[in-house]
């Protein structure tokens, strides 16, 4: 592990151990919980269906090359 990263983690642990601000601790706990949340559960059902359809299309070989997509949409790029 990067020594600089290790030092930053130690510094944060030391700072956190002296922290008395309840609202800041609550914010940190929310951040921690959010980091553990699976993004899949945070997106809409329509977005999930769209991603699943894209995966299925790719698995079935229904793909369009990047160069073809650029030709189709070049007037907007």
PDB file of N, CA and C in Angstrom:
ATOM      1  N   UNK A   1       0.848  -1.181   0.000  1.00  0.00           N
ATOM      2  CA  UNK A   1       0.000   0.000   0.000  1.00  0.00           C
ATOM      3  C   UNK A   1       0.892   1.243   0.000  1.00  0.00           C
ATOM      4  N   UNK A   2       0.434   2.257  -0.689  1.00  0.00           N
ATOM      5  CA  UNK A   2       1.149   3.529  -0.778  1.00  0.00           C
ATOM      6  C   UNK A   2       1.332   4.115   0.621  1.00  0.00           C
ATOM      7  N   UNK A   3       2.556   4.478   0.956  1.00  0.00           N
ATOM      8  CA  UNK A   3       2.866   5.003   2.289  1.00  0.00           C
ATOM      9  C   UNK A   3       2.131   6.315   2.556  1.00  0.00           C
ATOM     10  N   UNK A   4       1.948   7.140   1.504  1.00  0.00           N
ATOM     11  CA  UNK A   4       1.224   8.399   1.658  1.00  0.00           C
ATOM     12  C   UNK A   4      -0.238   8.133   2.007  1.00  0.00           C
ATOM     13  N   UNK A   5      -0.832   7.154   1.365  1.00  0.00           N
ATOM     14  CA  UNK A   5      -2.207   6.787   1.674  1.00  0.00           C
ATOM     15  C   UNK A   5      -2.312   6.279   3.106  1.00  0.00           C
ATOM     16  N   UNK A   6      -1.367   5.471   3.509  1.00  0.00           N
ATOM     17  CA  UNK A   6      -1.352   4.937   4.876  1.00  0.00           C
ATOM     18  C   UNK A   6      -1.258   6.084   5.895  1.00  0.00           C
ATOM     19  N   UNK A   7      -0.416   7.056   5.616  1.00  0.00           N
ATOM     20  CA  UNK A   7      -0.269   8.212   6.516  1.00  0.00           C
ATOM     21  C   UNK A   7      -1.559   9.021   6.595  1.00  0.00           C
ATOM     22  N   UNK A   8      -2.234   9.198   5.472  1.00  0.00           N
ATOM     23  CA  UNK A   8      -3.503   9.925   5.462  1.00  0.00           C
ATOM     24  C   UNK A   8      -4.559   9.191   6.287  1.00  0.00           C
ATOM     25  N   UNK A   9      -4.592   7.886   6.178  1.00  0.00           N
ATOM     26  CA  UNK A   9      -5.547   7.106   6.948  1.00  0.00           C
ATOM     27  C   UNK A   9      -5.281   7.235   8.447  1.00  0.00           C
ATOM     28  N   UNK A  10      -4.035   7.189   8.827  1.00  0.00           N
ATOM     29  CA  UNK A  10      -3.667   7.342  10.244  1.00  0.00           C
ATOM     30  C   UNK A  10      -4.049   8.729  10.735  1.00  0.00           C
ATOM     31  N   UNK A  11      -3.778   9.741   9.913  1.00  0.00           N
ATOM     32  CA  UNK A  11      -4.136  11.111  10.280  1.00  0.00           C
ATOM     33  C   UNK A  11      -5.646  11.248  10.478  1.00  0.00           C
ATOM     34  N   UNK A  12      -6.428  10.643   9.589  1.00  0.00           N
ATOM     35  CA  UNK A  12      -7.881  10.690   9.730  1.00  0.00           C
ATOM     36  C   UNK A  12      -8.357   9.965  10.981  1.00  0.00           C
ATOM     37  N   UNK A  13      -7.770   8.835  11.280  1.00  0.00           N
ATOM     38  CA  UNK A  13      -8.139   8.081  12.478  1.00  0.00           C
ATOM     39  C   UNK A  13      -7.853   8.906  13.729  1.00  0.00           C
ATOM     40  N   UNK A  14      -6.700   9.535  13.748  1.00  0.00           N
ATOM     41  CA  UNK A  14      -6.344  10.360  14.904  1.00  0.00           C
ATOM     42  C   UNK A  14      -7.307  11.536  15.047  1.00  0.00           C
ATOM     43  N   UNK A  15      -7.625  12.186  13.929  1.00  0.00           N
ATOM     44  CA  UNK A  15      -8.552  13.317  13.960  1.00  0.00           C
ATOM     45  C   UNK A  15      -9.930  12.862  14.424  1.00  0.00           C
ATOM     46  N   UNK A  16     -10.401  11.749  13.872  1.00  0.00           N
ATOM     47  CA  UNK A  16     -11.719  11.238  14.219  1.00  0.00           C
ATOM     48  C   UNK A  16     -11.810  10.880  15.704  1.00  0.00           C
ATOM     49  N   UNK A  17     -10.740  10.371  16.252  1.00  0.00           N
ATOM     50  CA  UNK A  17     -10.757   9.969  17.662  1.00  0.00           C
ATOM     51  C   UNK A  17     -10.891  11.167  18.613  1.00  0.00           C
ATOM     52  N   UNK A  18     -10.596  12.362  18.133  1.00  0.00           N
ATOM     53  CA  UNK A  18     -10.710  13.551  18.982  1.00  0.00           C
ATOM     54  C   UNK A  18     -11.971  14.357  18.698  1.00  0.00           C
ATOM     55  N   UNK A  19     -12.754  13.931  17.748  1.00  0.00           N
ATOM     56  CA  UNK A  19     -13.919  14.662  17.282  1.00  0.00           C
ATOM     57  C   UNK A  19     -15.058  14.582  18.288  1.00  0.00           C
ATOM     58  N   UNK A  20     -15.642  15.738  18.621  1.00  0.00           N
ATOM     59  CA  UNK A  20     -16.773  15.805  19.544  1.00  0.00           C
ATOM     60  C   UNK A  20     -18.036  16.370  18.897  1.00  0.00           C
ATOM     61  N   UNK A  21     -17.953  16.760  17.664  1.00  0.00           N
ATOM     62  CA  UNK A  21     -19.075  17.375  16.949  1.00  0.00           C
ATOM     63  C   UNK A  21     -20.023  16.291  16.440  1.00  0.00           C
ATOM     64  N   UNK A  22     -21.164  16.144  17.113  1.00  0.00           N
ATOM     65  CA  UNK A  22     -22.118  15.089  16.775  1.00  0.00           C
ATOM     66  C   UNK A  22     -22.649  15.216  15.353  1.00  0.00           C
ATOM     67  N   UNK A  23     -22.906  16.437  14.904  1.00  0.00           N
ATOM     68  CA  UNK A  23     -23.453  16.612  13.560  1.00  0.00           C
ATOM     69  C   UNK A  23     -22.440  16.196  12.499  1.00  0.00           C
ATOM     70  N   UNK A  24     -21.181  16.472  12.734  1.00  0.00           N
ATOM     71  CA  UNK A  24     -20.140  16.066  11.793  1.00  0.00           C
ATOM     72  C   UNK A  24     -19.982  14.546  11.793  1.00  0.00           C
ATOM     73  N   UNK A  25     -20.051  13.950  12.950  1.00  0.00           N
ATOM     74  CA  UNK A  25     -19.977  12.486  13.043  1.00  0.00           C
ATOM     75  C   UNK A  25     -21.157  11.863  12.301  1.00  0.00           C
ATOM     76  N   UNK A  26     -22.356  12.450  12.448  1.00  0.00           N
ATOM     77  CA  UNK A  26     -23.528  11.944  11.732  1.00  0.00           C
ATOM     78  C   UNK A  26     -23.340  12.055  10.223  1.00  0.00           C
ATOM     79  N   UNK A  27     -22.781  13.153   9.763  1.00  0.00           N
ATOM     80  CA  UNK A  27     -22.515  13.328   8.338  1.00  0.00           C
ATOM     81  C   UNK A  27     -21.521  12.283   7.835  1.00  0.00           C
ATOM     82  N   UNK A  28     -20.503  12.016   8.611  1.00  0.00           N
ATOM     83  CA  UNK A  28     -19.515  11.006   8.239  1.00  0.00           C
ATOM     84  C   UNK A  28     -20.146   9.615   8.178  1.00  0.00           C
ATOM     85  N   UNK A  29     -21.036   9.335   9.121  1.00  0.00           N
ATOM     86  CA  UNK A  29     -21.716   8.039   9.123  1.00  0.00           C
ATOM     87  C   UNK A  29     -22.609   7.893   7.891  1.00  0.00           C
ATOM     88  N   UNK A  30     -23.295   8.985   7.488  1.00  0.00           N
ATOM     89  CA  UNK A  30     -24.119   8.948   6.280  1.00  0.00           C
ATOM     90  C   UNK A  30     -23.256   8.720   5.047  1.00  0.00           C
ATOM     91  N   UNK A  31     -22.108   9.378   5.010  1.00  0.00           N
ATOM     92  CA  UNK A  31     -21.185   9.192   3.893  1.00  0.00           C
ATOM     93  C   UNK A  31     -20.713   7.751   3.833  1.00  0.00           C
ATOM     94  N   UNK A  32     -20.378   7.205   4.962  1.00  0.00           N
ATOM     95  CA  UNK A  32     -19.927   5.807   5.038  1.00  0.00           C
ATOM     96  C   UNK A  32     -21.013   4.855   4.549  1.00  0.00           C
ATOM     97  N   UNK A  33     -22.248   5.100   4.983  1.00  0.00           N
ATOM     98  CA  UNK A  33     -23.359   4.248   4.568  1.00  0.00           C
ATOM     99  C   UNK A  33     -23.594   4.363   3.069  1.00  0.00           C
ATOM    100  N   UNK A  34     -23.508   5.581   2.544  1.00  0.00           N
ATOM    101  CA  UNK A  34     -23.724   5.793   1.122  1.00  0.00           C
ATOM    102  C   UNK A  34     -22.653   5.079   0.299  1.00  0.00           C
ATOM    103  N   UNK A  35     -21.426   5.067   0.777  1.00  0.00           N
ATOM    104  CA  UNK A  35     -20.337   4.398   0.071  1.00  0.00           C
ATOM    105  C   UNK A  35     -20.563   2.894   0.003  1.00  0.00           C
ATOM    106  N   UNK A  36     -21.297   2.351   0.947  1.00  0.00           N
ATOM    107  CA  UNK A  36     -21.575   0.918   0.962  1.00  0.00           C
ATOM    108  C   UNK A  36     -22.774   0.558   0.090  1.00  0.00           C
ATOM    109  N   UNK A  37     -23.560   1.569  -0.304  1.00  0.00           N
ATOM    110  CA  UNK A  37     -24.776   1.332  -1.068  1.00  0.00           C
ATOM    111  C   UNK A  37     -24.437   0.939  -2.497  1.00  0.00           C
ATOM    112  N   UNK A  38     -25.095  -0.077  -2.980  1.00  0.00           N
ATOM    113  CA  UNK A  38     -24.912  -0.531  -4.345  1.00  0.00           C
ATOM    114  C   UNK A  38     -25.629   0.440  -5.281  1.00  0.00           C
ATOM    115  N   UNK A  39     -24.906   1.028  -6.226  1.00  0.00           N
ATOM    116  CA  UNK A  39     -25.491   2.024  -7.129  1.00  0.00           C
ATOM    117  C   UNK A  39     -26.665   1.453  -7.908  1.00  0.00           C
ATOM    118  N   UNK A  40     -26.675   0.153  -8.140  1.00  0.00           N
ATOM    119  CA  UNK A  40     -27.764  -0.477  -8.897  1.00  0.00           C
ATOM    120  C   UNK A  40     -29.106  -0.209  -8.213  1.00  0.00           C
ATOM    121  N   UNK A  41     -29.113  -0.249  -6.896  1.00  0.00           N
ATOM    122  CA  UNK A  41     -30.347  -0.027  -6.150  1.00  0.00           C
ATOM    123  C   UNK A  41     -30.746   1.444  -6.104  1.00  0.00           C
ATOM    124  N   UNK A  42     -29.864   2.321  -6.546  1.00  0.00           N
ATOM    125  CA  UNK A  42     -30.121   3.752  -6.504  1.00  0.00           C
ATOM    126  C   UNK A  42     -30.681   4.288  -7.820  1.00  0.00           C
ATOM    127  N   UNK A  43     -30.623   3.496  -8.892  1.00  0.00           N
ATOM    128  CA  UNK A  43     -31.115   3.965 -10.179  1.00  0.00           C
ATOM    129  C   UNK A  43     -32.550   3.489 -10.393  1.00  0.00           C
ATOM    130  N   UNK A  44     -33.239   4.132 -11.328  1.00  0.00           N
ATOM    131  CA  UNK A  44     -34.649   3.806 -11.566  1.00  0.00           C
ATOM    132  C   UNK A  44     -34.794   2.435 -12.238  1.00  0.00           C
ATOM    133  N   UNK A  45     -36.003   1.916 -12.194  1.00  0.00           N
ATOM    134  CA  UNK A  45     -36.320   0.638 -12.840  1.00  0.00           C
ATOM    135  C   UNK A  45     -36.081   0.755 -14.347  1.00  0.00           C
ATOM    136  N   UNK A  46     -36.466   1.895 -14.938  1.00  0.00           N
ATOM    137  CA  UNK A  46     -36.242   2.095 -16.372  1.00  0.00           C
ATOM    138  C   UNK A  46     -34.757   2.059 -16.715  1.00  0.00           C
ATOM    139  N   UNK A  47     -33.934   2.670 -15.868  1.00  0.00           N
ATOM    140  CA  UNK A  47     -32.483   2.644 -16.098  1.00  0.00           C
ATOM    141  C   UNK A  47     -31.949   1.215 -15.982  1.00  0.00           C
ATOM    142  N   UNK A  48     -32.433   0.477 -14.997  1.00  0.00           N
ATOM    143  CA  UNK A  48     -32.007  -0.919 -14.835  1.00  0.00           C
ATOM    144  C   UNK A  48     -32.385  -1.743 -16.065  1.00  0.00           C
ATOM    145  N   UNK A  49     -33.614  -1.553 -16.548  1.00  0.00           N
ATOM    146  CA  UNK A  49     -34.068  -2.294 -17.728  1.00  0.00           C
ATOM    147  C   UNK A  49     -33.229  -1.940 -18.954  1.00  0.00           C
ATOM    148  N   UNK A  50     -32.900  -0.669 -19.085  1.00  0.00           N
ATOM    149  CA  UNK A  50     -32.095  -0.222 -20.223  1.00  0.00           C
ATOM    150  C   UNK A  50     -30.706  -0.849 -20.190  1.00  0.00           C
ATOM    151  N   UNK A  51     -30.103  -0.898 -19.024  1.00  0.00           N
ATOM    152  CA  UNK A  51     -28.785  -1.512 -18.882  1.00  0.00           C
ATOM    153  C   UNK A  51     -28.863  -3.004 -19.178  1.00  0.00           C
ATOM    154  N   UNK A  52     -29.873  -3.663 -18.628  1.00  0.00           N
ATOM    155  CA  UNK A  52     -30.032  -5.099 -18.878  1.00  0.00           C
ATOM    156  C   UNK A  52     -30.246  -5.379 -20.367  1.00  0.00           C
ATOM    157  N   UNK A  53     -31.023  -4.524 -21.038  1.00  0.00           N
ATOM    158  CA  UNK A  53     -31.248  -4.686 -22.476  1.00  0.00           C
ATOM    159  C   UNK A  53     -29.944  -4.506 -23.240  1.00  0.00           C
ATOM    160  N   UNK A  54     -29.142  -3.537 -22.835  1.00  0.00           N
ATOM    161  CA  UNK A  54     -27.844  -3.317 -23.477  1.00  0.00           C
ATOM    162  C   UNK A  54     -26.917  -4.509 -23.322  1.00  0.00           C
ATOM    163  N   UNK A  55     -26.905  -5.083 -22.144  1.00  0.00           N
ATOM    164  CA  UNK A  55     -26.078  -6.271 -21.898  1.00  0.00           C
ATOM    165  C   UNK A  55     -26.554  -7.437 -22.754  1.00  0.00           C
ATOM    166  N   UNK A  56     -27.869  -7.611 -22.805  1.00  0.00           N
ATOM    167  CA  UNK A  56     -28.435  -8.692 -23.614  1.00  0.00           C
ATOM    168  C   UNK A  56     -28.113  -8.484 -25.094  1.00  0.00           C
ATOM    169  N   UNK A  57     -28.246  -7.251 -25.582  1.00  0.00           N
ATOM    170  CA  UNK A  57     -27.899  -6.947 -26.973  1.00  0.00           C
ATOM    171  C   UNK A  57     -26.437  -7.268 -27.253  1.00  0.00           C
ATOM    172  N   UNK A  58     -25.565  -6.877 -26.342  1.00  0.00           N
ATOM    173  CA  UNK A  58     -24.134  -7.136 -26.535  1.00  0.00           C
ATOM    174  C   UNK A  58     -23.853  -8.635 -26.565  1.00  0.00           C
ATOM    175  N   UNK A  59     -24.493  -9.376 -25.669  1.00  0.00           N
ATOM    176  CA  UNK A  59     -24.295 -10.822 -25.626  1.00  0.00           C
ATOM    177  C   UNK A  59     -24.791 -11.497 -26.909  1.00  0.00           C
ATOM    178  N   UNK A  60     -25.795 -10.901 -27.543  1.00  0.00           N
ATOM    179  CA  UNK A  60     -26.353 -11.445 -28.779  1.00  0.00           C
ATOM    180  C   UNK A  60     -25.685 -10.877 -30.030  1.00  0.00           C
ATOM    181  N   UNK A  61     -24.635 -10.096 -29.824  1.00  0.00           N
ATOM    182  CA  UNK A  61     -23.892  -9.551 -30.950  1.00  0.00           C
ATOM    183  C   UNK A  61     -24.548  -8.372 -31.633  1.00  0.00           C
ATOM    184  N   UNK A  62     -25.554  -7.806 -31.031  1.00  0.00           N
ATOM    185  CA  UNK A  62     -26.241  -6.640 -31.598  1.00  0.00           C
ATOM    186  C   UNK A  62     -25.487  -5.372 -31.188  1.00  0.00           C
ATOM    187  N   UNK A  63     -24.376  -5.127 -31.863  1.00  0.00           N
ATOM    188  CA  UNK A  63     -23.520  -3.997 -31.526  1.00  0.00           C
ATOM    189  C   UNK A  63     -23.357  -3.088 -32.740  1.00  0.00           C
ATOM    190  N   UNK A  64     -23.089  -1.828 -32.492  1.00  0.00           N
ATOM    191  CA  UNK A  64     -22.789  -0.865 -33.540  1.00  0.00           C
ATOM    192  C   UNK A  64     -21.403  -0.318 -33.256  1.00  0.00           C
ATOM    193  N   UNK A  65     -20.575  -0.297 -34.273  1.00  0.00           N
ATOM    194  CA  UNK A  65     -19.203   0.169 -34.072  1.00  0.00           C
ATOM    195  C   UNK A  65     -19.177   1.656 -33.738  1.00  0.00           C
ATOM    196  N   UNK A  66     -18.122   2.038 -33.062  1.00  0.00           N
ATOM    197  CA  UNK A  66     -17.942   3.432 -32.677  1.00  0.00           C
ATOM    198  C   UNK A  66     -17.908   4.335 -33.906  1.00  0.00           C
ATOM    199  N   UNK A  67     -17.260   3.903 -34.968  1.00  0.00           N
ATOM    200  CA  UNK A  67     -17.168   4.730 -36.178  1.00  0.00           C
ATOM    201  C   UNK A  67     -18.546   4.934 -36.809  1.00  0.00           C
ATOM    202  N   UNK A  68     -19.402   3.904 -36.807  1.00  0.00           N
ATOM    203  CA  UNK A  68     -20.754   4.066 -37.336  1.00  0.00           C
ATOM    204  C   UNK A  68     -21.580   5.018 -36.480  1.00  0.00           C
ATOM    205  N   UNK A  69     -21.433   4.923 -35.185  1.00  0.00           N
ATOM    206  CA  UNK A  69     -22.161   5.820 -34.287  1.00  0.00           C
ATOM    207  C   UNK A  69     -21.716   7.262 -34.518  1.00  0.00           C
ATOM    208  N   UNK A  70     -20.413   7.460 -34.691  1.00  0.00           N
ATOM    209  CA  UNK A  70     -19.903   8.812 -34.962  1.00  0.00           C
ATOM    210  C   UNK A  70     -20.496   9.366 -36.254  1.00  0.00           C
ATOM    211  N   UNK A  71     -20.627   8.529 -37.288  1.00  0.00           N
ATOM    212  CA  UNK A  71     -21.212   8.984 -38.557  1.00  0.00           C
ATOM    213  C   UNK A  71     -22.663   9.380 -38.374  1.00  0.00           C
ATOM    214  N   UNK A  72     -23.402   8.599 -37.603  1.00  0.00           N
ATOM    215  CA  UNK A  72     -24.825   8.868 -37.382  1.00  0.00           C
ATOM    216  C   UNK A  72     -25.017  10.179 -36.629  1.00  0.00           C
ATOM    217  N   UNK A  73     -24.195  10.405 -35.616  1.00  0.00           N
ATOM    218  CA  UNK A  73     -24.406  11.541 -34.733  1.00  0.00           C
ATOM    219  C   UNK A  73     -23.433  12.696 -34.933  1.00  0.00           C
ATOM    220  N   UNK A  74     -22.656  12.681 -36.018  1.00  0.00           N
ATOM    221  CA  UNK A  74     -21.617  13.682 -36.202  1.00  0.00           C
ATOM    222  C   UNK A  74     -22.157  15.099 -36.273  1.00  0.00           C
ATOM    223  N   UNK A  75     -23.382  15.274 -36.750  1.00  0.00           N
ATOM    224  CA  UNK A  75     -23.919  16.622 -36.847  1.00  0.00           C
ATOM    225  C   UNK A  75     -24.203  17.231 -35.474  1.00  0.00           C
ATOM    226  N   UNK A  76     -24.301  16.402 -34.442  1.00  0.00           N
ATOM    227  CA  UNK A  76     -24.530  16.904 -33.079  1.00  0.00           C
ATOM    228  C   UNK A  76     -23.254  16.924 -32.246  1.00  0.00           C
ATOM    229  N   UNK A  77     -22.168  16.407 -32.774  1.00  0.00           N
ATOM    230  CA  UNK A  77     -20.919  16.362 -32.009  1.00  0.00           C
ATOM    231  C   UNK A  77     -20.062  17.568 -32.283  1.00  0.00           C
TER     232      UNK A  77
END
